[in-house]
Amino acid sequence: MENRQWIPSAQANGTIIATLVSQGLLYQSDVRGGYGFRHPILRDFTMAQYVLRHAREQVSHLTEMLNRIRYPIIADGVHRSLVEALISDQYISLEQYVTTSSRSHQGNIVRIIGRLKPPENFSIEVWHRKPHPSFLAKLIETAQHAKNSNWIYYFATLSHSVNWVERRDWIGASTIDDLAMYIRVVSERIVSDGQINKLQELSEMMIQWSYAPKFRAYYHQDTSIRAADLIPIVSHWATPGTYISFLKDGGHDYLRRIGNLDDYEELFEWIELEQ
């Protein structure tokens, strides 16, 4: 696959090129004596469609063809267009692309997905093969950096069940921390009642998840530098009864260490101030 943005005149089909020029897809370059795409978005879309067509319904061919694009900026743009196309492609699904890609390539995919609106019916849970936990962590991180509040709706659909989350290997022990940081950032842009309701659901889900052994063990190791963000997040968005019960629970060892809240009388004074 050629990596250029322009087509030498000698290689151009006159009738086809004239049509594409008249439709605004291409322009004639006086400097190079060839033709170029009028905008990088058009180039990226066209190359992505070329990759899809020549991949012959084989996921491995997608990665192979993308690797043949030598210029990183162009490769990144084509990859984004390709992922957007795969969301609705009838031959190769996004699930196939993610779960058959290498760990490093999954990282590139999720950096694109996290900046977009979640695909319709997106659900890692129904995928036949599950990605590594780093995939979900990178998805949350990317959505956070992009301040993409659209992902609230997907995260809030995950089960609140302690047994459910404990059995999901694709949900890592740092996920609650990651979600707390995500909520902290995107909540600044929340404007609709629907989003507020989803934040409430998400916060209460995080509270329930915190009882799972994987999360208790994680916080017990003192490896989390974000744990101090968890209490203010759930206290702000969860229902008062839920988070007061959460804070009173002596089984959460890490809560007693955060902010040195060993004294429950001091804890309840803090809760009253928050309310």
Protein backbone atom coordinates (compact mmCIF):
# COMPACT_ATOMS: atom_id res chain seq x y z
CA MET A 1 0.00 0.00 0.00
CA GLU A 2 1.41 3.37 -0.97
CA ASN A 3 1.94 5.73 1.93
CA ARG A 4 1.79 8.94 -0.05
CA GLN A 5 -0.96 11.54 0.02
CA TRP A 6 -0.61 12.14 -3.71
CA ILE A 7 -0.94 10.15 -6.92
CA PRO A 8 1.58 10.61 -9.76
CA SER A 9 -0.11 11.68 -12.98
CA ALA A 10 1.32 8.69 -14.84
CA GLN A 11 -0.55 6.29 -12.54
CA ALA A 12 -3.88 8.07 -12.64
CA ASN A 13 -6.94 6.98 -14.56
CA GLY A 14 -8.04 10.20 -16.23
CA THR A 15 -11.80 9.65 -16.07
CA ILE A 16 -11.81 8.47 -12.43
CA ILE A 17 -9.43 11.19 -11.28
CA ALA A 18 -11.44 13.89 -13.05
CA THR A 19 -14.58 12.71 -11.28
CA LEU A 20 -12.87 12.67 -7.87
CA VAL A 21 -11.43 16.15 -8.48
CA SER A 22 -14.84 17.50 -9.48
CA GLN A 23 -16.38 16.02 -6.34
CA GLY A 24 -13.78 17.66 -4.12
CA LEU A 25 -12.03 14.51 -2.93
CA LEU A 26 -8.76 15.22 -4.76
CA TYR A 27 -6.88 18.26 -5.98
CA GLN A 28 -4.13 18.56 -8.57
CA SER A 29 -0.73 19.40 -7.16
CA ASP A 30 1.23 21.88 -9.25
CA VAL A 31 4.41 21.22 -7.30
CA ARG A 32 4.49 17.44 -7.67
CA GLY A 33 2.54 17.20 -10.88
CA GLY A 34 0.17 14.68 -9.30
CA TYR A 35 -2.99 14.58 -7.20
CA GLY A 36 -3.52 14.77 -3.47
CA PHE A 37 -6.38 14.39 -1.01
CA ARG A 38 -8.06 17.69 -0.30
CA HIS A 39 -8.17 17.00 3.45
CA PRO A 40 -6.43 14.48 5.76
CA ILE A 41 -9.83 13.17 6.93
CA LEU A 42 -10.66 12.20 3.36
CA ARG A 43 -7.27 10.51 3.03
CA ASP A 44 -7.71 8.60 6.28
CA PHE A 45 -11.21 7.43 5.39
CA THR A 46 -10.19 6.34 1.91
CA MET A 47 -7.16 4.41 3.14
CA ALA A 48 -9.23 2.78 5.91
CA GLN A 49 -11.74 1.57 3.34
CA TYR A 50 -8.88 0.26 1.22
CA VAL A 51 -7.54 -1.69 4.21
CA LEU A 52 -10.98 -3.13 4.99
CA ARG A 53 -11.53 -4.20 1.40
CA HIS A 54 -8.15 -5.88 1.02
CA ALA A 55 -8.14 -7.50 4.46
CA ARG A 56 -10.52 -10.08 2.95
CA GLU A 57 -12.44 -10.51 6.20
CA GLN A 58 -9.28 -11.60 8.04
CA VAL A 59 -8.50 -9.68 11.22
CA SER A 60 -4.79 -10.50 11.01
CA HIS A 61 -4.61 -8.76 7.64
CA LEU A 62 -5.83 -5.49 9.19
CA THR A 63 -2.84 -5.24 11.50
CA GLU A 64 -0.47 -6.36 8.76
CA MET A 65 -1.67 -3.66 6.36
CA LEU A 66 -1.67 -0.94 9.02
CA ASN A 67 1.94 -1.77 9.85
CA ARG A 68 2.87 -1.05 6.24
CA ILE A 69 1.99 2.64 6.66
CA ARG A 70 5.35 4.19 7.45
CA TYR A 71 4.29 7.65 8.60
CA PRO A 72 2.96 7.67 12.21
CA ILE A 73 0.61 10.65 11.75
CA ILE A 74 -1.02 9.06 8.72
CA ALA A 75 -1.13 5.64 10.38
CA ASP A 76 -2.87 7.12 13.44
CA GLY A 77 -5.51 8.84 11.31
CA VAL A 78 -6.15 5.74 9.21
CA HIS A 79 -6.38 3.60 12.34
CA ARG A 80 -9.00 5.91 13.84
CA SER A 81 -11.09 5.77 10.67
CA LEU A 82 -10.68 2.01 10.58
CA VAL A 83 -11.91 1.57 14.17
CA GLU A 84 -14.91 3.79 13.45
CA ALA A 85 -15.67 1.67 10.38
CA LEU A 86 -15.33 -1.58 12.33
CA ILE A 87 -17.97 -0.44 14.80
CA SER A 88 -20.56 -0.97 12.07
CA ASP A 89 -18.73 -3.41 9.77
CA GLN A 90 -20.68 -6.55 8.94
CA TYR A 91 -17.67 -8.76 8.25
CA ILE A 92 -15.08 -7.94 10.91
CA SER A 93 -16.36 -6.86 14.33
CA LEU A 94 -14.67 -4.55 16.81
CA GLU A 95 -14.67 -7.48 19.23
CA GLN A 96 -12.68 -9.64 16.80
CA TYR A 97 -10.23 -6.83 16.17
CA VAL A 98 -9.61 -6.14 19.86
CA THR A 99 -9.43 -9.69 21.17
CA THR A 100 -7.14 -11.00 18.43
CA SER A 101 -4.73 -8.05 18.57
CA SER A 102 -1.54 -7.91 20.57
CA ARG A 103 -1.51 -6.16 23.96
CA SER A 104 0.32 -3.14 22.52
CA HIS A 105 -2.06 -2.92 19.57
CA GLN A 106 -5.04 -3.13 21.92
CA GLY A 107 -3.63 -0.05 23.62
CA ASN A 108 -3.73 1.84 20.33
CA ILE A 109 -7.30 0.70 19.67
CA VAL A 110 -8.61 1.72 23.06
CA ARG A 111 -7.02 5.17 22.82
CA ILE A 112 -9.27 5.72 19.82
CA ILE A 113 -12.43 4.19 21.30
CA GLY A 114 -12.14 6.20 24.52
CA ARG A 115 -12.35 9.46 22.57
CA LEU A 116 -15.50 8.39 20.75
CA LYS A 117 -19.10 7.88 21.75
CA PRO A 118 -19.49 4.27 22.93
CA PRO A 119 -20.52 2.00 20.05
CA GLU A 120 -24.15 0.90 20.15
CA ASN A 121 -24.55 -2.31 22.18
CA PHE A 122 -20.88 -2.18 23.22
CA SER A 123 -20.33 -4.80 25.91
CA ILE A 124 -17.07 -6.47 26.86
CA GLU A 125 -19.11 -8.90 28.96
CA VAL A 126 -20.72 -10.56 25.91
CA TRP A 127 -17.45 -10.89 24.01
CA HIS A 128 -16.43 -14.50 23.52
CA ARG A 129 -12.84 -13.59 24.33
CA LYS A 130 -12.04 -11.02 26.99
CA PRO A 131 -9.16 -8.53 26.75
CA HIS A 132 -6.50 -8.03 29.40
CA PRO A 133 -7.51 -5.78 32.37
CA SER A 134 -5.20 -3.11 30.97
CA PHE A 135 -7.74 -2.64 28.16
CA LEU A 136 -10.48 -1.43 30.53
CA ALA A 137 -7.98 0.62 32.53
CA LYS A 138 -6.78 2.36 29.37
CA LEU A 139 -10.36 2.88 28.19
CA ILE A 140 -11.28 4.67 31.43
CA GLU A 141 -8.05 6.69 31.35
CA THR A 142 -8.54 7.76 27.73
CA ALA A 143 -12.17 8.76 28.33
CA GLN A 144 -10.99 10.73 31.37
CA HIS A 145 -8.28 12.62 29.49
CA ALA A 146 -10.73 13.35 26.67
CA LYS A 147 -13.32 14.45 29.27
CA ASN A 148 -15.68 12.13 27.45
CA SER A 149 -18.77 11.86 29.65
CA ASN A 150 -20.53 9.61 27.11
CA TRP A 151 -18.86 6.57 28.65
CA ILE A 152 -20.77 7.09 31.92
CA TYR A 153 -23.70 5.30 30.34
CA TYR A 154 -21.64 2.19 29.57
CA PHE A 155 -19.80 2.02 32.89
CA ALA A 156 -23.10 2.38 34.78
CA THR A 157 -24.54 -0.67 33.01
CA LEU A 158 -22.01 -3.03 34.62
CA SER A 159 -23.37 -5.33 37.29
CA HIS A 160 -23.25 -4.17 40.93
CA SER A 161 -22.82 -7.72 42.16
CA VAL A 162 -19.76 -8.46 44.28
CA ASN A 163 -19.61 -12.06 43.01
CA TRP A 164 -19.95 -10.89 39.42
CA VAL A 165 -17.07 -8.40 39.54
CA GLU A 166 -14.83 -10.78 41.47
CA ARG A 167 -15.13 -13.36 38.69
CA ARG A 168 -14.39 -10.91 35.87
CA ASP A 169 -10.67 -11.13 35.14
CA TRP A 170 -10.94 -8.28 32.63
CA ILE A 171 -11.83 -5.94 35.52
CA GLY A 172 -8.57 -5.18 37.34
CA ALA A 173 -8.08 -4.36 41.01
CA SER A 174 -7.38 -0.69 40.24
CA THR A 175 -10.66 -0.18 38.36
CA ILE A 176 -12.45 1.58 41.25
CA ASP A 177 -9.58 4.05 41.50
CA ASP A 178 -9.67 4.59 37.74
CA LEU A 179 -13.42 5.22 37.80
CA ALA A 180 -13.09 7.63 40.74
CA MET A 181 -10.61 9.74 38.78
CA TYR A 182 -12.81 9.56 35.69
CA ILE A 183 -15.87 10.77 37.61
CA ARG A 184 -13.86 13.55 39.23
CA VAL A 185 -12.92 14.93 35.81
CA VAL A 186 -16.09 14.43 33.76
CA SER A 187 -18.49 15.51 36.52
CA GLU A 188 -17.43 19.09 35.77
CA ARG A 189 -19.26 18.77 32.44
CA ILE A 190 -22.38 17.01 33.67
CA VAL A 191 -25.48 19.02 32.78
CA SER A 192 -28.39 16.64 32.20
CA ASP A 193 -30.52 14.82 34.78
CA GLY A 194 -29.85 11.59 32.92
CA GLN A 195 -26.09 11.94 33.39
CA ILE A 196 -26.54 12.81 37.07
CA ASN A 197 -28.63 9.67 37.57
CA LYS A 198 -25.97 7.56 35.85
CA LEU A 199 -23.25 9.06 38.05
CA GLN A 200 -25.30 8.09 41.08
CA GLU A 201 -25.66 4.54 39.75
CA LEU A 202 -21.94 4.38 38.98
CA SER A 203 -20.96 5.61 42.46
CA GLU A 204 -23.19 3.07 44.16
CA MET A 205 -21.77 0.35 41.92
CA MET A 206 -18.26 1.31 43.07
CA ILE A 207 -19.38 1.04 46.69
CA GLN A 208 -20.72 -2.46 46.12
CA TRP A 209 -17.61 -3.51 44.20
CA SER A 210 -15.37 -2.39 47.06
CA TYR A 211 -16.56 -5.39 49.08
CA ALA A 212 -15.07 -7.81 46.53
CA PRO A 213 -11.86 -9.54 47.70
CA LYS A 214 -9.82 -8.28 44.73
CA PHE A 215 -10.44 -4.65 45.71
CA ARG A 216 -9.99 -5.18 49.45
CA ALA A 217 -6.66 -6.86 48.82
CA TYR A 218 -5.61 -4.04 46.49
CA TYR A 219 -6.28 -1.28 49.01
CA HIS A 220 -4.85 -3.31 51.88
CA GLN A 221 -1.47 -3.26 50.12
CA ASP A 222 -1.40 0.54 50.24
CA THR A 223 -0.55 0.58 46.54
CA SER A 224 -3.31 3.05 45.68
CA ILE A 225 -2.40 6.72 45.58
CA ARG A 226 -5.92 7.63 44.53
CA ALA A 227 -7.85 5.95 47.33
CA ALA A 228 -8.29 9.30 49.07
CA ASP A 229 -10.42 10.39 46.09
CA LEU A 230 -12.87 7.56 46.57
CA ILE A 231 -14.67 8.87 49.67
CA PRO A 232 -15.45 12.38 48.35
CA ILE A 233 -16.62 10.93 45.03
CA VAL A 234 -19.10 8.47 46.49
CA SER A 235 -20.20 10.89 49.20
CA HIS A 236 -21.08 13.47 46.57
CA TRP A 237 -22.87 11.24 44.07
CA ALA A 238 -24.23 8.21 45.92
CA THR A 239 -27.38 8.40 48.03
CA PRO A 240 -26.66 9.50 51.65
CA GLY A 241 -27.81 6.22 53.16
CA THR A 242 -25.57 4.19 50.89
CA TYR A 243 -22.36 6.08 51.49
CA ILE A 244 -22.90 6.50 55.23
CA SER A 245 -23.25 2.72 55.51
CA PHE A 246 -20.16 2.42 53.33
CA LEU A 247 -18.10 4.65 55.61
CA LYS A 248 -19.33 3.00 58.79
CA ASP A 249 -18.37 -0.46 57.62
CA GLY A 250 -15.44 -1.49 59.77
CA GLY A 251 -14.62 -4.27 57.29
CA HIS A 252 -13.10 -1.71 54.91
CA ASP A 253 -9.61 -1.55 56.38
CA TYR A 254 -8.39 0.97 53.84
CA LEU A 255 -11.11 3.47 54.81
CA ARG A 256 -9.75 3.68 58.33
CA ARG A 257 -6.32 4.58 56.95
CA ILE A 258 -7.42 7.26 54.51
CA GLY A 259 -7.13 10.62 56.21
CA ASN A 260 -6.59 8.85 59.57
CA LEU A 261 -10.35 8.49 60.01
CA ASP A 262 -10.04 6.06 62.92
CA ASP A 263 -12.42 8.00 65.12
CA TYR A 264 -16.00 7.41 63.99
CA GLU A 265 -17.24 10.51 65.86
CA GLU A 266 -14.88 12.62 63.77
CA LEU A 267 -16.07 10.68 60.72
CA PHE A 268 -19.71 11.57 61.30
CA GLU A 269 -18.82 15.23 61.85
CA TRP A 270 -17.13 15.14 58.45
CA ILE A 271 -20.23 13.54 56.90
CA GLU A 272 -22.49 16.25 58.30
CA LEU A 273 -20.23 18.91 56.79
CA GLU A 274 -20.39 17.17 53.42
CA GLN A 275 -24.19 17.15 53.54
